[in-house]
Amino acid sequence: EESAEFARSARRNGFGVILAAAGKAAHLAGVLAA
């Protein structure tokens, strides 16, 4: 939930790009991109 909320509000909070680092199943980048 926190990951999704961060991504949903990222543009509004002044971000222009997100880098997502993860190992093994590495779903973090995909969850943020969704």
ModelCIF file with pLDDT and N, C-alpha, C, O atoms, coordinates in Angstrom:
data_MODEL
#
_entry.id   MODEL 
#
_entity.id                         1 
_entity.type                       polymer 
_entity.pdbx_number_of_molecules   1 
#
_entity_poly.entity_id                      1 
_entity_poly.type                           'polypeptide(L)' 
_entity_poly.nstd_linkage                   no 
_entity_poly.nstd_monomer                   no 
_entity_poly.pdbx_seq_one_letter_code       EESAEFARSARRNGFGVILAAAGKAAHLAGVLAA 
_entity_poly.pdbx_seq_one_letter_code_can   EESAEFARSARRNGFGVILAAAGKAAHLAGVLAA 
_entity_poly.pdbx_strand_id                 A 
#
loop_
_entity_poly_seq.entity_id 
_entity_poly_seq.num 
_entity_poly_seq.mon_id 
_entity_poly_seq.hetero 
1 1  GLU n 
1 2  GLU n 
1 3  SER n 
1 4  ALA n 
1 5  GLU n 
1 6  PHE n 
1 7  ALA n 
1 8  ARG n 
1 9  SER n 
1 10 ALA n 
1 11 ARG n 
1 12 ARG n 
1 13 ASN n 
1 14 GLY n 
1 15 PHE n 
1 16 GLY n 
1 17 VAL n 
1 18 ILE n 
1 19 LEU n 
1 20 ALA n 
1 21 ALA n 
1 22 ALA n 
1 23 GLY n 
1 24 LYS n 
1 25 ALA n 
1 26 ALA n 
1 27 HIS n 
1 28 LEU n 
1 29 ALA n 
1 30 GLY n 
1 31 VAL n 
1 32 LEU n 
1 33 ALA n 
1 34 ALA n 
#
_struct_asym.id          A 
_struct_asym.entity_id   1 
#
loop_
_ma_qa_metric.id 
_ma_qa_metric.mode 
_ma_qa_metric.name 
_ma_qa_metric.software_group_id 
_ma_qa_metric.type 
1 global pLDDT . pLDDT 
2 local  pLDDT . pLDDT 
#
_ma_qa_metric_global.metric_id      1 
_ma_qa_metric_global.metric_value   96.59 
_ma_qa_metric_global.model_id       1 
_ma_qa_metric_global.ordinal_id     1 
#
loop_
_ma_qa_metric_local.label_asym_id 
_ma_qa_metric_local.label_comp_id 
_ma_qa_metric_local.label_seq_id 
_ma_qa_metric_local.metric_id 
_ma_qa_metric_local.metric_value 
_ma_qa_metric_local.model_id 
_ma_qa_metric_local.ordinal_id 
A GLU 1  2 97.00 1 1  
A GLU 2  2 97.00 1 2  
A SER 3  2 97.00 1 3  
A ALA 4  2 98.00 1 4  
A GLU 5  2 98.00 1 5  
A PHE 6  2 98.00 1 6  
A ALA 7  2 98.00 1 7  
A ARG 8  2 98.00 1 8  
A SER 9  2 98.00 1 9  
A ALA 10 2 98.00 1 10 
A ARG 11 2 98.00 1 11 
A ARG 12 2 98.00 1 12 
A ASN 13 2 98.00 1 13 
A GLY 14 2 98.00 1 14 
A PHE 15 2 98.00 1 15 
A GLY 16 2 98.00 1 16 
A VAL 17 2 98.00 1 17 
A ILE 18 2 98.00 1 18 
A LEU 19 2 98.00 1 19 
A ALA 20 2 98.00 1 20 
A ALA 21 2 97.00 1 21 
A ALA 22 2 96.00 1 22 
A GLY 23 2 93.00 1 23 
A LYS 24 2 90.00 1 24 
A ALA 25 2 84.00 1 25 
A ALA 26 2 91.00 1 26 
A HIS 27 2 94.00 1 27 
A LEU 28 2 97.00 1 28 
A ALA 29 2 97.00 1 29 
A GLY 30 2 97.00 1 30 
A VAL 31 2 97.00 1 31 
A LEU 32 2 98.00 1 32 
A ALA 33 2 98.00 1 33 
A ALA 34 2 98.00 1 34 
#
loop_
_atom_site.group_PDB 
_atom_site.id 
_atom_site.type_symbol 
_atom_site.label_atom_id 
_atom_site.label_alt_id 
_atom_site.label_comp_id 
_atom_site.label_asym_id 
_atom_site.label_entity_id 
_atom_site.label_seq_id 
_atom_site.pdbx_PDB_ins_code 
_atom_site.Cartn_x 
_atom_site.Cartn_y 
_atom_site.Cartn_z 
_atom_site.occupancy 
_atom_site.B_iso_or_equiv 
_atom_site.pdbx_formal_charge 
_atom_site.auth_seq_id 
_atom_site.auth_comp_id 
_atom_site.auth_asym_id 
_atom_site.auth_atom_id 
_atom_site.pdbx_PDB_model_num 
ATOM 1   N N  . GLU A 1 1  ? 0.833  -1.207  0.000   1.00 97.00 ? 1  GLU A N  1 
ATOM 2   C CA . GLU A 1 1  ? 0.000  0.000   0.000   1.00 97.00 ? 1  GLU A CA 1 
ATOM 3   C C  . GLU A 1 1  ? 0.864  1.252   0.000   1.00 97.00 ? 1  GLU A C  1 
ATOM 4   O O  . GLU A 1 1  ? 0.575  2.206   -0.723  1.00 97.00 ? 1  GLU A O  1 
ATOM 5   N N  . GLU A 1 2  ? 1.923  1.259   0.805   1.00 97.00 ? 2  GLU A N  1 
ATOM 6   C CA . GLU A 1 2  ? 2.804  2.416   0.880   1.00 97.00 ? 2  GLU A CA 1 
ATOM 7   C C  . GLU A 1 2  ? 3.550  2.616   -0.438  1.00 97.00 ? 2  GLU A C  1 
ATOM 8   O O  . GLU A 1 2  ? 3.739  3.748   -0.884  1.00 97.00 ? 2  GLU A O  1 
ATOM 9   N N  . SER A 1 3  ? 3.971  1.515   -1.057  1.00 97.00 ? 3  SER A N  1 
ATOM 10  C CA . SER A 1 3  ? 4.652  1.601   -2.348  1.00 97.00 ? 3  SER A CA 1 
ATOM 11  C C  . SER A 1 3  ? 3.728  2.193   -3.408  1.00 97.00 ? 3  SER A C  1 
ATOM 12  O O  . SER A 1 3  ? 4.124  3.078   -4.167  1.00 97.00 ? 3  SER A O  1 
ATOM 13  N N  . ALA A 1 4  ? 2.511  1.702   -3.451  1.00 98.00 ? 4  ALA A N  1 
ATOM 14  C CA . ALA A 1 4  ? 1.538  2.202   -4.427  1.00 98.00 ? 4  ALA A CA 1 
ATOM 15  C C  . ALA A 1 4  ? 1.228  3.674   -4.187  1.00 98.00 ? 4  ALA A C  1 
ATOM 16  O O  . ALA A 1 4  ? 1.154  4.450   -5.140  1.00 98.00 ? 4  ALA A O  1 
ATOM 17  N N  . GLU A 1 5  ? 1.049  4.066   -2.951  1.00 98.00 ? 5  GLU A N  1 
ATOM 18  C CA . GLU A 1 5  ? 0.739  5.464   -2.638  1.00 98.00 ? 5  GLU A CA 1 
ATOM 19  C C  . GLU A 1 5  ? 1.911  6.379   -2.991  1.00 98.00 ? 5  GLU A C  1 
ATOM 20  O O  . GLU A 1 5  ? 1.708  7.485   -3.492  1.00 98.00 ? 5  GLU A O  1 
ATOM 21  N N  . PHE A 1 6  ? 3.131  5.921   -2.730  1.00 98.00 ? 6  PHE A N  1 
ATOM 22  C CA . PHE A 1 6  ? 4.297  6.729   -3.103  1.00 98.00 ? 6  PHE A CA 1 
ATOM 23  C C  . PHE A 1 6  ? 4.281  6.976   -4.605  1.00 98.00 ? 6  PHE A C  1 
ATOM 24  O O  . PHE A 1 6  ? 4.450  8.112   -5.049  1.00 98.00 ? 6  PHE A O  1 
ATOM 25  N N  . ALA A 1 7  ? 4.079  5.921   -5.387  1.00 98.00 ? 7  ALA A N  1 
ATOM 26  C CA . ALA A 1 7  ? 4.075  6.049   -6.849  1.00 98.00 ? 7  ALA A CA 1 
ATOM 27  C C  . ALA A 1 7  ? 2.938  6.944   -7.327  1.00 98.00 ? 7  ALA A C  1 
ATOM 28  O O  . ALA A 1 7  ? 3.137  7.782   -8.206  1.00 98.00 ? 7  ALA A O  1 
ATOM 29  N N  . ARG A 1 8  ? 1.740  6.772   -6.752  1.00 98.00 ? 8  ARG A N  1 
ATOM 30  C CA . ARG A 1 8  ? 0.591  7.584   -7.167  1.00 98.00 ? 8  ARG A CA 1 
ATOM 31  C C  . ARG A 1 8  ? 0.827  9.065   -6.924  1.00 98.00 ? 8  ARG A C  1 
ATOM 32  O O  . ARG A 1 8  ? 0.377  9.898   -7.711  1.00 98.00 ? 8  ARG A O  1 
ATOM 33  N N  . SER A 1 9  ? 1.523  9.405   -5.853  1.00 98.00 ? 9  SER A N  1 
ATOM 34  C CA . SER A 1 9  ? 1.707  10.814  -5.493  1.00 98.00 ? 9  SER A CA 1 
ATOM 35  C C  . SER A 1 9  ? 3.062  11.380  -5.931  1.00 98.00 ? 9  SER A C  1 
ATOM 36  O O  . SER A 1 9  ? 3.349  12.549  -5.672  1.00 98.00 ? 9  SER A O  1 
ATOM 37  N N  . ALA A 1 10 ? 3.886  10.581  -6.579  1.00 98.00 ? 10 ALA A N  1 
ATOM 38  C CA . ALA A 1 10 ? 5.251  11.010  -6.913  1.00 98.00 ? 10 ALA A CA 1 
ATOM 39  C C  . ALA A 1 10 ? 5.274  12.263  -7.792  1.00 98.00 ? 10 ALA A C  1 
ATOM 40  O O  . ALA A 1 10 ? 6.021  13.196  -7.496  1.00 98.00 ? 10 ALA A O  1 
ATOM 41  N N  . ARG A 1 11 ? 4.500  12.309  -8.834  1.00 98.00 ? 11 ARG A N  1 
ATOM 42  C CA . ARG A 1 11 ? 4.482  13.483  -9.721  1.00 98.00 ? 11 ARG A CA 1 
ATOM 43  C C  . ARG A 1 11 ? 4.045  14.723  -8.947  1.00 98.00 ? 11 ARG A C  1 
ATOM 44  O O  . ARG A 1 11 ? 4.652  15.787  -9.060  1.00 98.00 ? 11 ARG A O  1 
ATOM 45  N N  . ARG A 1 12 ? 3.001  14.570  -8.175  1.00 98.00 ? 12 ARG A N  1 
ATOM 46  C CA . ARG A 1 12 ? 2.475  15.684  -7.373  1.00 98.00 ? 12 ARG A CA 1 
ATOM 47  C C  . ARG A 1 12 ? 3.519  16.173  -6.361  1.00 98.00 ? 12 ARG A C  1 
ATOM 48  O O  . ARG A 1 12 ? 3.533  17.348  -5.994  1.00 98.00 ? 12 ARG A O  1 
ATOM 49  N N  . ASN A 1 13 ? 4.386  15.265  -5.919  1.00 98.00 ? 13 ASN A N  1 
ATOM 50  C CA . ASN A 1 13 ? 5.415  15.604  -4.937  1.00 98.00 ? 13 ASN A CA 1 
ATOM 51  C C  . ASN A 1 13 ? 6.729  16.060  -5.565  1.00 98.00 ? 13 ASN A C  1 
ATOM 52  O O  . ASN A 1 13 ? 7.742  16.162  -4.872  1.00 98.00 ? 13 ASN A O  1 
ATOM 53  N N  . GLY A 1 14 ? 6.724  16.334  -6.864  1.00 98.00 ? 14 GLY A N  1 
ATOM 54  C CA . GLY A 1 14 ? 7.878  16.934  -7.507  1.00 98.00 ? 14 GLY A CA 1 
ATOM 55  C C  . GLY A 1 14 ? 8.895  15.986  -8.107  1.00 98.00 ? 14 GLY A C  1 
ATOM 56  O O  . GLY A 1 14 ? 9.987  16.411  -8.484  1.00 98.00 ? 14 GLY A O  1 
ATOM 57  N N  . PHE A 1 15 ? 8.557  14.714  -8.203  1.00 98.00 ? 15 PHE A N  1 
ATOM 58  C CA . PHE A 1 15 ? 9.487  13.752  -8.795  1.00 98.00 ? 15 PHE A CA 1 
ATOM 59  C C  . PHE A 1 15 ? 9.299  13.704  -10.309 1.00 98.00 ? 15 PHE A C  1 
ATOM 60  O O  . PHE A 1 15 ? 8.198  13.914  -10.819 1.00 98.00 ? 15 PHE A O  1 
ATOM 61  N N  . GLY A 1 16 ? 10.390 13.424  -11.015 1.00 98.00 ? 16 GLY A N  1 
ATOM 62  C CA . GLY A 1 16 ? 10.331 13.285  -12.460 1.00 98.00 ? 16 GLY A CA 1 
ATOM 63  C C  . GLY A 1 16 ? 10.697 11.890  -12.933 1.00 98.00 ? 16 GLY A C  1 
ATOM 64  O O  . GLY A 1 16 ? 10.465 11.535  -14.088 1.00 98.00 ? 16 GLY A O  1 
ATOM 65  N N  . VAL A 1 17 ? 11.270 11.100  -12.032 1.00 98.00 ? 17 VAL A N  1 
ATOM 66  C CA . VAL A 1 17 ? 11.695 9.749   -12.371 1.00 98.00 ? 17 VAL A CA 1 
ATOM 67  C C  . VAL A 1 17 ? 11.856 8.948   -11.081 1.00 98.00 ? 17 VAL A C  1 
ATOM 68  O O  . VAL A 1 17 ? 12.161 9.499   -10.023 1.00 98.00 ? 17 VAL A O  1 
ATOM 69  N N  . ILE A 1 18 ? 11.644 7.631   -11.191 1.00 98.00 ? 18 ILE A N  1 
ATOM 70  C CA . ILE A 1 18 ? 11.782 6.742   -10.038 1.00 98.00 ? 18 ILE A CA 1 
ATOM 71  C C  . ILE A 1 18 ? 12.764 5.634   -10.396 1.00 98.00 ? 18 ILE A C  1 
ATOM 72  O O  . ILE A 1 18 ? 12.627 4.980   -11.431 1.00 98.00 ? 18 ILE A O  1 
ATOM 73  N N  . LEU A 1 19 ? 13.753 5.429   -9.534  1.00 98.00 ? 19 LEU A N  1 
ATOM 74  C CA . LEU A 1 19 ? 14.663 4.293   -9.650  1.00 98.00 ? 19 LEU A CA 1 
ATOM 75  C C  . LEU A 1 19 ? 14.251 3.290   -8.584  1.00 98.00 ? 19 LEU A C  1 
ATOM 76  O O  . LEU A 1 19 ? 14.025 3.660   -7.432  1.00 98.00 ? 19 LEU A O  1 
ATOM 77  N N  . ALA A 1 20 ? 14.154 2.019   -8.966  1.00 98.00 ? 20 ALA A N  1 
ATOM 78  C CA . ALA A 1 20 ? 13.688 0.990   -8.034  1.00 98.00 ? 20 ALA A CA 1 
ATOM 79  C C  . ALA A 1 20 ? 14.654 -0.182  -8.031  1.00 98.00 ? 20 ALA A C  1 
ATOM 80  O O  . ALA A 1 20 ? 14.821 -0.858  -9.046  1.00 98.00 ? 20 ALA A O  1 
ATOM 81  N N  . ALA A 1 21 ? 15.287 -0.420  -6.895  1.00 97.00 ? 21 ALA A N  1 
ATOM 82  C CA . ALA A 1 21 ? 16.275 -1.495  -6.765  1.00 97.00 ? 21 ALA A CA 1 
ATOM 83  C C  . ALA A 1 21 ? 15.691 -2.644  -5.953  1.00 97.00 ? 21 ALA A C  1 
ATOM 84  O O  . ALA A 1 21 ? 15.156 -2.443  -4.863  1.00 97.00 ? 21 ALA A O  1 
ATOM 85  N N  . ALA A 1 22 ? 15.802 -3.851  -6.503  1.00 96.00 ? 22 ALA A N  1 
ATOM 86  C CA . ALA A 1 22 ? 15.294 -5.022  -5.780  1.00 96.00 ? 22 ALA A CA 1 
ATOM 87  C C  . ALA A 1 22 ? 15.990 -6.272  -6.298  1.00 96.00 ? 22 ALA A C  1 
ATOM 88  O O  . ALA A 1 22 ? 16.406 -6.342  -7.454  1.00 96.00 ? 22 ALA A O  1 
ATOM 89  N N  . GLY A 1 23 ? 16.103 -7.246  -5.420  1.00 93.00 ? 23 GLY A N  1 
ATOM 90  C CA . GLY A 1 23 ? 16.695 -8.529  -5.778  1.00 93.00 ? 23 GLY A CA 1 
ATOM 91  C C  . GLY A 1 23 ? 15.648 -9.620  -5.803  1.00 93.00 ? 23 GLY A C  1 
ATOM 92  O O  . GLY A 1 23 ? 14.472 -9.380  -5.533  1.00 93.00 ? 23 GLY A O  1 
ATOM 93  N N  . LYS A 1 24 ? 16.086 -10.812 -6.126  1.00 90.00 ? 24 LYS A N  1 
ATOM 94  C CA . LYS A 1 24 ? 15.251 -12.023 -6.202  1.00 90.00 ? 24 LYS A CA 1 
ATOM 95  C C  . LYS A 1 24 ? 14.050 -11.802 -7.107  1.00 90.00 ? 24 LYS A C  1 
ATOM 96  O O  . LYS A 1 24 ? 14.228 -11.586 -8.306  1.00 90.00 ? 24 LYS A O  1 
ATOM 97  N N  . ALA A 1 25 ? 12.819 -11.848 -6.572  1.00 84.00 ? 25 ALA A N  1 
ATOM 98  C CA . ALA A 1 25 ? 11.631 -11.706 -7.413  1.00 84.00 ? 25 ALA A CA 1 
ATOM 99  C C  . ALA A 1 25 ? 11.528 -10.316 -8.035  1.00 84.00 ? 25 ALA A C  1 
ATOM 100 O O  . ALA A 1 25 ? 10.921 -10.162 -9.095  1.00 84.00 ? 25 ALA A O  1 
ATOM 101 N N  . ALA A 1 26 ? 12.107 -9.308  -7.399  1.00 91.00 ? 26 ALA A N  1 
ATOM 102 C CA . ALA A 1 26 ? 12.253 -7.955  -7.947  1.00 91.00 ? 26 ALA A CA 1 
ATOM 103 C C  . ALA A 1 26 ? 10.970 -7.368  -8.527  1.00 91.00 ? 26 ALA A C  1 
ATOM 104 O O  . ALA A 1 26 ? 10.971 -6.872  -9.654  1.00 91.00 ? 26 ALA A O  1 
ATOM 105 N N  . HIS A 1 27 ? 9.902  -7.419  -7.784  1.00 94.00 ? 27 HIS A N  1 
ATOM 106 C CA . HIS A 1 27 ? 8.634  -6.854  -8.260  1.00 94.00 ? 27 HIS A CA 1 
ATOM 107 C C  . HIS A 1 27 ? 8.492  -5.368  -7.999  1.00 94.00 ? 27 HIS A C  1 
ATOM 108 O O  . HIS A 1 27 ? 7.538  -4.755  -8.479  1.00 94.00 ? 27 HIS A O  1 
ATOM 109 N N  . LEU A 1 28 ? 9.403  -4.771  -7.257  1.00 97.00 ? 28 LEU A N  1 
ATOM 110 C CA . LEU A 1 28 ? 9.245  -3.378  -6.838  1.00 97.00 ? 28 LEU A CA 1 
ATOM 111 C C  . LEU A 1 28 ? 9.077  -2.415  -8.000  1.00 97.00 ? 28 LEU A C  1 
ATOM 112 O O  . LEU A 1 28 ? 8.154  -1.600  -7.985  1.00 97.00 ? 28 LEU A O  1 
ATOM 113 N N  . ALA A 1 29 ? 9.936  -2.482  -9.001  1.00 97.00 ? 29 ALA A N  1 
ATOM 114 C CA . ALA A 1 29 ? 9.834  -1.554  -10.135 1.00 97.00 ? 29 ALA A CA 1 
ATOM 115 C C  . ALA A 1 29 ? 8.481  -1.693  -10.829 1.00 97.00 ? 29 ALA A C  1 
ATOM 116 O O  . ALA A 1 29 ? 7.865  -0.690  -11.190 1.00 97.00 ? 29 ALA A O  1 
ATOM 117 N N  . GLY A 1 30 ? 8.023  -2.910  -11.015 1.00 97.00 ? 30 GLY A N  1 
ATOM 118 C CA . GLY A 1 30 ? 6.735  -3.134  -11.663 1.00 97.00 ? 30 GLY A CA 1 
ATOM 119 C C  . GLY A 1 30 ? 5.566  -2.626  -10.846 1.00 97.00 ? 30 GLY A C  1 
ATOM 120 O O  . GLY A 1 30 ? 4.623  -2.058  -11.397 1.00 97.00 ? 30 GLY A O  1 
ATOM 121 N N  . VAL A 1 31 ? 5.615  -2.821  -9.547  1.00 97.00 ? 31 VAL A N  1 
ATOM 122 C CA . VAL A 1 31 ? 4.541  -2.316  -8.680  1.00 97.00 ? 31 VAL A CA 1 
ATOM 123 C C  . VAL A 1 31 ? 4.490  -0.797  -8.743  1.00 97.00 ? 31 VAL A C  1 
ATOM 124 O O  . VAL A 1 31 ? 3.411  -0.212  -8.839  1.00 97.00 ? 31 VAL A O  1 
ATOM 125 N N  . LEU A 1 32 ? 5.659  -0.154  -8.687  1.00 98.00 ? 32 LEU A N  1 
ATOM 126 C CA . LEU A 1 32 ? 5.691  1.305   -8.772  1.00 98.00 ? 32 LEU A CA 1 
ATOM 127 C C  . LEU A 1 32 ? 5.184  1.775   -10.134 1.00 98.00 ? 32 LEU A C  1 
ATOM 128 O O  . LEU A 1 32 ? 4.396  2.718   -10.210 1.00 98.00 ? 32 LEU A O  1 
ATOM 129 N N  . ALA A 1 33 ? 5.629  1.128   -11.202 1.00 98.00 ? 33 ALA A N  1 
ATOM 130 C CA . ALA A 1 33 ? 5.206  1.508   -12.553 1.00 98.00 ? 33 ALA A CA 1 
ATOM 131 C C  . ALA A 1 33 ? 3.708  1.327   -12.761 1.00 98.00 ? 33 ALA A C  1 
ATOM 132 O O  . ALA A 1 33 ? 3.100  2.049   -13.550 1.00 98.00 ? 33 ALA A O  1 
ATOM 133 N N  . ALA A 1 34 ? 3.113  0.371   -12.061 1.00 98.00 ? 34 ALA A N  1 
ATOM 134 C CA . ALA A 1 34 ? 1.675  0.133   -12.185 1.00 98.00 ? 34 ALA A CA 1 
ATOM 135 C C  . ALA A 1 34 ? 0.852  1.269   -11.608 1.00 98.00 ? 34 ALA A C  1 
ATOM 136 O O  . ALA A 1 34 ? -0.377 1.218   -11.637 1.00 98.00 ? 34 ALA A O  1 
#
